[in-house]
Amino acid sequence: MGTRATEIPLSTPLKRLERHTLLVLEDRHAVLRHEGSILRLHVVGDETVTIRAKPEDRAVGDVVLVATQLTPLRAFTLPDGELARSWLGPRDFLRFQTSGVVGVLISGLFLAVMHGSRGLLSELGAPAILLSLLLYAVLLVSIRTVCDRLGWVHVIDGRRWRLADLVVGPDPAEIATRQVDEVKETYGRLLTDLPYRIEHPALFDAAHPATEELTLALFRWDSEQARLDTAERAALASRVVTAFRTARQQAERIRMDHLPEEARVEAGRALAAARIAADPRAGRAERAAALEVAVQILDDLALYHLPSVTEARDAVGARRLKQLPGRRES
């Protein structure tokens, strides 16, 4: 594989990941590491997040977003090797900085005692204090430089590699396109997840304010992105990503409370049946019967932001529905 990481889609399910996956976040890097039945997400400059329940079918981008509340921009499979913690990092810098302040205070006190007869800012004392401050500033810059160069590293054949050095930087326009493509891919996957769609209808209702913003952002991207310059395209892609994250978080918070109150009990029955219909562990006959129950309930409810009969059957049949939020297939 060499010493370069291999880029993979953020929609890649956890079960298809190798042992180490590098994530490029908004302002830092993180590494997702498989450790038996759990996952550990090591975020540079932050704490390690432990994920004990591994949702094997969930996309790596979704998992990282939920765990860190930071938007992942790219994902890479790291070459064979070991993840190692270098001896310096951002927290070590704070410790060095504190030690430096204490050192300056002690030095100042010592100079005050030595030159007490003429005062701390006497002819000899003032230059000494200024020299101490200058040396302290040089020390901080040196430590900061070292800290920036270290942190989490990946060891390949005995050589320690910075995570950033394993990633090939793409064109900014390519990044923007990839971000929007990932949103569309994730939305399409959720659209064909029948239980998810029933349980979180607000994400599929363009009348909901957050979903309306997502719909408008995606429509503008499809209509205008080819005419935008690089900076404008990046800004619009960021708007799409933020709108999708907000719409999804709100939909997952309110769940079926978004539905009319009189429809929630029946929608709950449809959800229970849909979960059985989509469960690969259930028998074929059981799944078919559950799908018919879900389809009948959805047909009776006839709510525009819940799946239609055709959409429900296509979703369980693993057919990907290509449409923007709030749009129906013709």
Protein backbone atom coordinates (compact mmCIF):
# COMPACT_ATOMS: atom_id res chain seq x y z
CA MET A 1 0.00 0.00 0.00
CA GLY A 2 3.01 2.32 0.47
CA THR A 3 3.07 5.32 2.76
CA ARG A 4 0.05 7.17 1.39
CA ALA A 5 -3.43 6.81 2.80
CA THR A 6 -6.15 5.60 0.43
CA GLU A 7 -9.21 7.84 0.27
CA ILE A 8 -12.61 6.22 0.86
CA PRO A 9 -16.16 7.66 0.82
CA LEU A 10 -17.54 9.01 4.09
CA SER A 11 -20.56 6.81 3.39
CA THR A 12 -18.45 3.65 3.86
CA PRO A 13 -20.10 1.46 6.54
CA LEU A 14 -18.05 0.61 9.63
CA LYS A 15 -18.00 -3.10 8.78
CA ARG A 16 -15.94 -2.36 5.64
CA LEU A 17 -13.24 -0.32 7.37
CA GLU A 18 -9.70 -1.50 7.94
CA ARG A 19 -8.09 -1.32 11.38
CA HIS A 20 -7.14 2.37 11.17
CA THR A 21 -9.19 5.05 9.40
CA LEU A 22 -7.97 8.64 9.19
CA LEU A 23 -10.63 11.37 9.26
CA VAL A 24 -10.02 14.94 8.12
CA LEU A 25 -12.29 17.16 10.22
CA GLU A 26 -13.01 20.87 9.92
CA ASP A 27 -9.86 21.98 11.75
CA ARG A 28 -8.00 18.84 12.81
CA HIS A 29 -7.43 15.14 12.16
CA ALA A 30 -8.77 12.06 13.92
CA VAL A 31 -8.10 8.33 13.69
CA LEU A 32 -10.78 5.68 14.15
CA ARG A 33 -9.26 2.48 15.49
CA HIS A 34 -10.90 -0.94 15.81
CA GLU A 35 -10.14 -2.58 19.15
CA GLY A 36 -12.08 -5.82 19.33
CA SER A 37 -15.76 -5.10 19.95
CA ILE A 38 -15.28 -1.35 20.45
CA LEU A 39 -14.04 1.62 18.46
CA ARG A 40 -11.75 4.37 19.68
CA LEU A 41 -11.76 7.75 17.99
CA HIS A 42 -8.49 9.56 18.68
CA VAL A 43 -8.96 13.26 17.95
CA VAL A 44 -5.81 15.34 17.64
CA GLY A 45 -5.81 18.00 20.35
CA ASP A 46 -8.78 16.50 22.14
CA GLU A 47 -9.87 13.51 24.22
CA THR A 48 -10.24 9.98 22.89
CA VAL A 49 -13.88 8.99 22.32
CA THR A 50 -14.83 5.36 22.97
CA ILE A 51 -17.71 3.91 20.92
CA ARG A 52 -18.82 0.69 22.62
CA ALA A 53 -21.87 -0.18 20.51
CA LYS A 54 -20.55 -0.58 16.96
CA PRO A 55 -23.34 0.21 14.45
CA GLU A 56 -21.76 -1.92 11.72
CA ASP A 57 -24.03 -0.70 8.93
CA ARG A 58 -23.74 2.99 9.77
CA ALA A 59 -21.55 5.25 7.66
CA VAL A 60 -18.22 6.28 9.15
CA GLY A 61 -19.00 9.94 8.47
CA ASP A 62 -22.23 9.73 10.48
CA VAL A 63 -20.50 8.01 13.41
CA VAL A 64 -17.73 10.61 13.58
CA LEU A 65 -20.19 13.51 13.31
CA VAL A 66 -22.27 12.18 16.21
CA ALA A 67 -19.19 11.44 18.34
CA THR A 68 -17.40 14.77 17.83
CA GLN A 69 -20.05 17.23 16.58
CA LEU A 70 -17.43 18.13 13.95
CA THR A 71 -18.13 17.68 10.25
CA PRO A 72 -15.81 15.10 8.64
CA LEU A 73 -14.59 16.28 5.26
CA ARG A 74 -12.60 13.27 4.03
CA ALA A 75 -11.80 9.71 5.12
CA PHE A 76 -8.75 7.55 4.39
CA THR A 77 -7.64 3.99 5.04
CA LEU A 78 -4.21 4.20 6.66
CA PRO A 79 -1.37 1.93 5.50
CA ASP A 80 -0.48 -1.08 7.64
CA GLY A 81 1.15 0.19 10.80
CA GLU A 82 0.52 1.24 14.39
CA LEU A 83 -0.98 4.38 15.85
CA ALA A 84 1.29 5.95 18.46
CA ARG A 85 1.08 8.91 20.80
CA SER A 86 4.06 11.21 20.45
CA TRP A 87 5.64 12.60 23.58
CA LEU A 88 4.37 16.13 22.92
CA GLY A 89 0.94 17.44 22.06
CA PRO A 90 -1.31 20.48 22.63
CA ARG A 91 -1.92 19.61 26.28
CA ASP A 92 1.82 19.27 26.86
CA PHE A 93 2.22 22.77 25.46
CA LEU A 94 -0.08 24.13 28.16
CA ARG A 95 1.99 22.39 30.81
CA PHE A 96 5.19 23.84 29.35
CA GLN A 97 3.60 27.27 29.20
CA THR A 98 2.57 27.09 32.85
CA SER A 99 6.04 25.94 33.83
CA GLY A 100 7.53 28.82 31.86
CA VAL A 101 5.38 31.40 33.66
CA VAL A 102 6.42 29.97 37.01
CA GLY A 103 10.05 30.03 35.87
CA VAL A 104 9.87 33.70 34.90
CA LEU A 105 8.30 34.62 38.24
CA ILE A 106 11.00 32.76 40.14
CA SER A 107 13.70 34.38 38.00
CA GLY A 108 12.20 37.80 38.63
CA LEU A 109 12.07 37.19 42.34
CA PHE A 110 15.69 36.04 42.33
CA LEU A 111 16.79 39.16 40.45
CA ALA A 112 14.82 41.35 42.81
CA VAL A 113 16.64 39.86 45.77
CA MET A 114 20.05 40.11 44.06
CA HIS A 115 19.52 43.74 43.11
CA GLY A 116 17.26 44.76 45.92
CA SER A 117 19.53 47.52 47.06
CA ARG A 118 19.07 49.34 43.77
CA GLY A 119 15.53 48.11 42.92
CA LEU A 120 14.30 45.57 40.43
CA LEU A 121 14.39 48.03 37.54
CA SER A 122 17.83 49.35 38.32
CA GLU A 123 20.56 49.67 35.73
CA LEU A 124 21.46 45.97 36.04
CA GLY A 125 17.99 44.58 36.88
CA ALA A 126 15.95 45.86 33.93
CA PRO A 127 18.13 44.35 31.16
CA ALA A 128 18.14 41.05 33.02
CA ILE A 129 14.33 41.00 33.24
CA LEU A 130 13.99 41.85 29.55
CA LEU A 131 16.44 39.12 28.65
CA SER A 132 14.45 36.62 30.72
CA LEU A 133 11.23 37.59 28.93
CA LEU A 134 12.91 37.30 25.54
CA LEU A 135 14.25 33.85 26.35
CA TYR A 136 10.79 32.83 27.60
CA ALA A 137 9.18 33.96 24.31
CA VAL A 138 11.76 32.04 22.28
CA LEU A 139 11.12 28.97 24.44
CA LEU A 140 7.34 29.16 23.87
CA VAL A 141 7.72 29.53 20.10
CA SER A 142 10.08 26.55 20.00
CA ILE A 143 7.75 24.39 22.07
CA ARG A 144 4.72 25.43 19.99
CA THR A 145 6.57 24.50 16.81
CA VAL A 146 7.46 21.08 18.20
CA CYS A 147 3.91 20.52 19.42
CA ASP A 148 2.49 21.38 16.01
CA ARG A 149 4.79 18.86 14.36
CA LEU A 150 3.89 16.04 16.73
CA GLY A 151 0.77 14.66 18.42
CA TRP A 152 -0.73 11.41 17.10
CA VAL A 153 1.56 9.67 14.61
CA HIS A 154 1.31 6.54 12.47
CA VAL A 155 4.31 4.20 12.64
CA ILE A 156 5.08 2.38 9.37
CA ASP A 157 8.09 0.04 9.29
CA GLY A 158 9.59 1.84 12.27
CA ARG A 159 9.18 5.34 10.81
CA ARG A 160 6.85 7.82 12.49
CA TRP A 161 4.56 9.71 10.12
CA ARG A 162 2.47 12.77 10.92
CA LEU A 163 -1.14 12.15 9.96
CA ALA A 164 -1.22 15.19 7.68
CA ASP A 165 1.79 13.87 5.75
CA LEU A 166 -0.13 10.73 4.76
CA VAL A 167 -2.88 12.70 3.02
CA VAL A 168 -2.71 14.06 -0.50
CA GLY A 169 -4.41 17.45 -0.63
CA PRO A 170 -7.07 17.74 -3.35
CA ASP A 171 -8.18 20.76 -5.31
CA PRO A 172 -10.51 23.02 -3.22
CA ALA A 173 -13.21 22.72 -5.88
CA GLU A 174 -12.96 18.94 -5.65
CA ILE A 175 -13.40 19.11 -1.87
CA ALA A 176 -16.57 21.18 -2.25
CA THR A 177 -18.03 18.77 -4.80
CA ARG A 178 -17.18 15.78 -2.63
CA GLN A 179 -18.83 17.37 0.42
CA VAL A 180 -22.11 17.87 -1.43
CA ASP A 181 -21.92 14.41 -2.99
CA GLU A 182 -21.53 12.92 0.48
CA VAL A 183 -24.62 14.80 1.67
CA LYS A 184 -26.62 13.50 -1.29
CA GLU A 185 -25.33 9.97 -0.77
CA THR A 186 -26.20 10.01 2.93
CA TYR A 187 -29.61 11.53 2.28
CA GLY A 188 -30.33 8.92 -0.38
CA ARG A 189 -29.32 6.13 1.99
CA LEU A 190 -31.60 7.48 4.73
CA LEU A 191 -34.38 7.91 2.20
CA THR A 192 -34.29 4.17 1.47
CA ASP A 193 -34.05 3.20 5.14
CA LEU A 194 -37.75 2.58 5.71
CA PRO A 195 -37.70 2.50 9.55
CA TYR A 196 -35.55 5.65 9.69
CA ARG A 197 -37.82 7.50 7.29
CA ILE A 198 -40.94 6.68 9.30
CA GLU A 199 -39.29 7.53 12.63
CA HIS A 200 -37.77 10.86 11.49
CA PRO A 201 -40.28 12.35 9.03
CA ALA A 202 -39.15 15.98 9.48
CA LEU A 203 -36.01 15.28 7.46
CA PHE A 204 -38.21 14.41 4.49
CA ASP A 205 -40.69 17.25 4.87
CA ALA A 206 -39.69 20.36 2.93
CA ALA A 207 -42.23 22.34 4.94
CA HIS A 208 -40.07 21.92 8.05
CA PRO A 209 -37.82 25.03 8.29
CA ALA A 210 -34.53 23.15 8.63
CA THR A 211 -35.35 20.79 5.77
CA GLU A 212 -36.52 23.71 3.65
CA GLU A 213 -33.10 25.32 4.11
CA LEU A 214 -31.46 22.06 3.04
CA THR A 215 -33.70 21.81 -0.02
CA LEU A 216 -32.91 25.38 -1.07
CA ALA A 217 -29.18 24.90 -0.53
CA LEU A 218 -29.13 21.72 -2.62
CA PHE A 219 -31.26 23.32 -5.34
CA ARG A 220 -28.91 26.30 -5.51
CA TRP A 221 -25.91 23.97 -5.69
CA ASP A 222 -27.37 22.01 -8.60
CA SER A 223 -28.39 25.21 -10.38
CA GLU A 224 -25.38 27.46 -9.80
CA GLN A 225 -22.26 25.57 -8.76
CA ALA A 226 -20.90 25.28 -12.30
CA ARG A 227 -20.84 29.09 -12.59
CA LEU A 228 -19.27 29.81 -9.18
CA ASP A 229 -15.63 30.51 -8.50
CA THR A 230 -13.70 28.34 -6.04
CA ALA A 231 -14.39 30.46 -2.95
CA GLU A 232 -18.12 30.76 -3.71
CA ARG A 233 -18.38 27.05 -4.40
CA ALA A 234 -16.68 26.22 -1.09
CA ALA A 235 -19.03 28.57 0.77
CA LEU A 236 -22.11 27.02 -0.86
CA ALA A 237 -20.87 23.49 -0.12
CA SER A 238 -20.38 24.49 3.51
CA ARG A 239 -23.94 25.80 3.56
CA VAL A 240 -25.23 22.47 2.21
CA VAL A 241 -23.28 20.46 4.81
CA THR A 242 -24.41 22.68 7.69
CA ALA A 243 -28.03 22.64 6.52
CA PHE A 244 -28.04 18.85 6.28
CA ARG A 245 -26.47 18.43 9.70
CA THR A 246 -28.98 20.83 11.27
CA ALA A 247 -31.98 19.25 9.53
CA ARG A 248 -30.91 15.76 10.53
CA GLN A 249 -30.23 16.68 14.15
CA GLN A 250 -33.61 18.38 14.47
CA ALA A 251 -35.43 15.47 12.84
CA GLU A 252 -33.73 12.98 15.15
CA ARG A 253 -34.60 15.12 18.16
CA ILE A 254 -38.33 15.54 17.48
CA ARG A 255 -38.80 12.12 15.81
CA MET A 256 -42.49 11.29 15.23
CA ASP A 257 -43.66 14.33 17.20
CA HIS A 258 -43.43 16.03 13.81
CA LEU A 259 -46.50 14.05 12.69
CA PRO A 260 -50.06 15.14 13.46
CA GLU A 261 -50.95 13.90 16.93
CA GLU A 262 -53.78 11.72 15.66
CA ALA A 263 -51.39 9.88 13.31
CA ARG A 264 -48.62 9.03 15.79
CA VAL A 265 -50.04 5.78 17.19
CA GLU A 266 -50.59 4.29 13.74
CA ALA A 267 -47.21 5.57 12.58
CA GLY A 268 -45.68 3.80 15.57
CA ARG A 269 -47.29 0.55 14.43
CA ALA A 270 -45.96 1.11 10.92
CA LEU A 271 -42.48 1.72 12.36
CA ALA A 272 -42.55 -1.54 14.34
CA ALA A 273 -43.63 -3.46 11.25
CA ALA A 274 -41.02 -1.72 9.08
CA ARG A 275 -38.25 -2.70 11.48
CA ILE A 276 -39.22 -6.35 11.12
CA ALA A 277 -39.52 -6.01 7.34
CA ALA A 278 -36.00 -4.56 7.16
CA ASP A 279 -34.42 -7.01 9.64
CA PRO A 280 -32.19 -9.50 7.78
CA ARG A 281 -32.39 -11.87 10.76
CA ALA A 282 -36.15 -12.31 10.34
CA GLY A 283 -37.53 -15.05 8.13
CA ARG A 284 -38.59 -14.25 4.57
CA ALA A 285 -42.27 -14.89 5.26
CA GLU A 286 -42.16 -12.82 8.46
CA ARG A 287 -40.53 -9.92 6.65
CA ALA A 288 -43.03 -10.06 3.79
CA ALA A 289 -45.98 -10.08 6.20
CA ALA A 290 -44.52 -7.18 8.19
CA LEU A 291 -44.01 -5.18 5.00
CA GLU A 292 -47.66 -5.65 4.05
CA VAL A 293 -48.72 -4.37 7.49
CA ALA A 294 -46.46 -1.31 7.18
CA VAL A 295 -47.61 -0.61 3.63
CA GLN A 296 -51.29 -0.82 4.59
CA ILE A 297 -50.84 1.59 7.51
CA LEU A 298 -48.85 4.05 5.41
CA ASP A 299 -51.48 3.89 2.68
CA ASP A 300 -54.23 4.63 5.22
CA LEU A 301 -52.29 7.55 6.75
CA ALA A 302 -51.48 9.03 3.32
CA LEU A 303 -49.16 11.70 4.76
CA TYR A 304 -46.95 13.38 2.17
CA HIS A 305 -43.83 13.28 4.35
CA LEU A 306 -44.14 9.53 5.02
CA PRO A 307 -43.21 6.92 2.38
CA SER A 308 -45.79 6.05 -0.22
CA VAL A 309 -46.68 2.41 -0.87
CA THR A 310 -44.30 2.30 -3.85
CA GLU A 311 -41.48 3.97 -1.93
CA ALA A 312 -41.90 1.59 1.01
CA ARG A 313 -41.69 -1.47 -1.24
CA ASP A 314 -38.71 -0.06 -3.13
CA ALA A 315 -36.89 0.75 0.12
CA VAL A 316 -37.21 -2.78 1.48
CA GLY A 317 -36.24 -4.07 -1.97
CA ALA A 318 -32.96 -2.12 -1.66
CA ARG A 319 -33.74 0.20 -4.56
CA ARG A 320 -32.07 3.59 -4.11
CA LEU A 321 -34.46 6.50 -4.52
CA LYS A 322 -32.79 9.52 -6.13
CA GLN A 323 -34.52 12.71 -5.06
CA LEU A 324 -33.95 15.90 -3.12
CA PRO A 325 -35.67 16.57 0.21
CA GLY A 326 -39.36 17.20 -0.21
CA ARG A 327 -39.53 16.04 -3.83
CA ARG A 328 -41.58 13.15 -5.14
CA GLU A 329 -40.67 10.89 -8.03
CA SER A 330 -42.82 11.55 -11.07
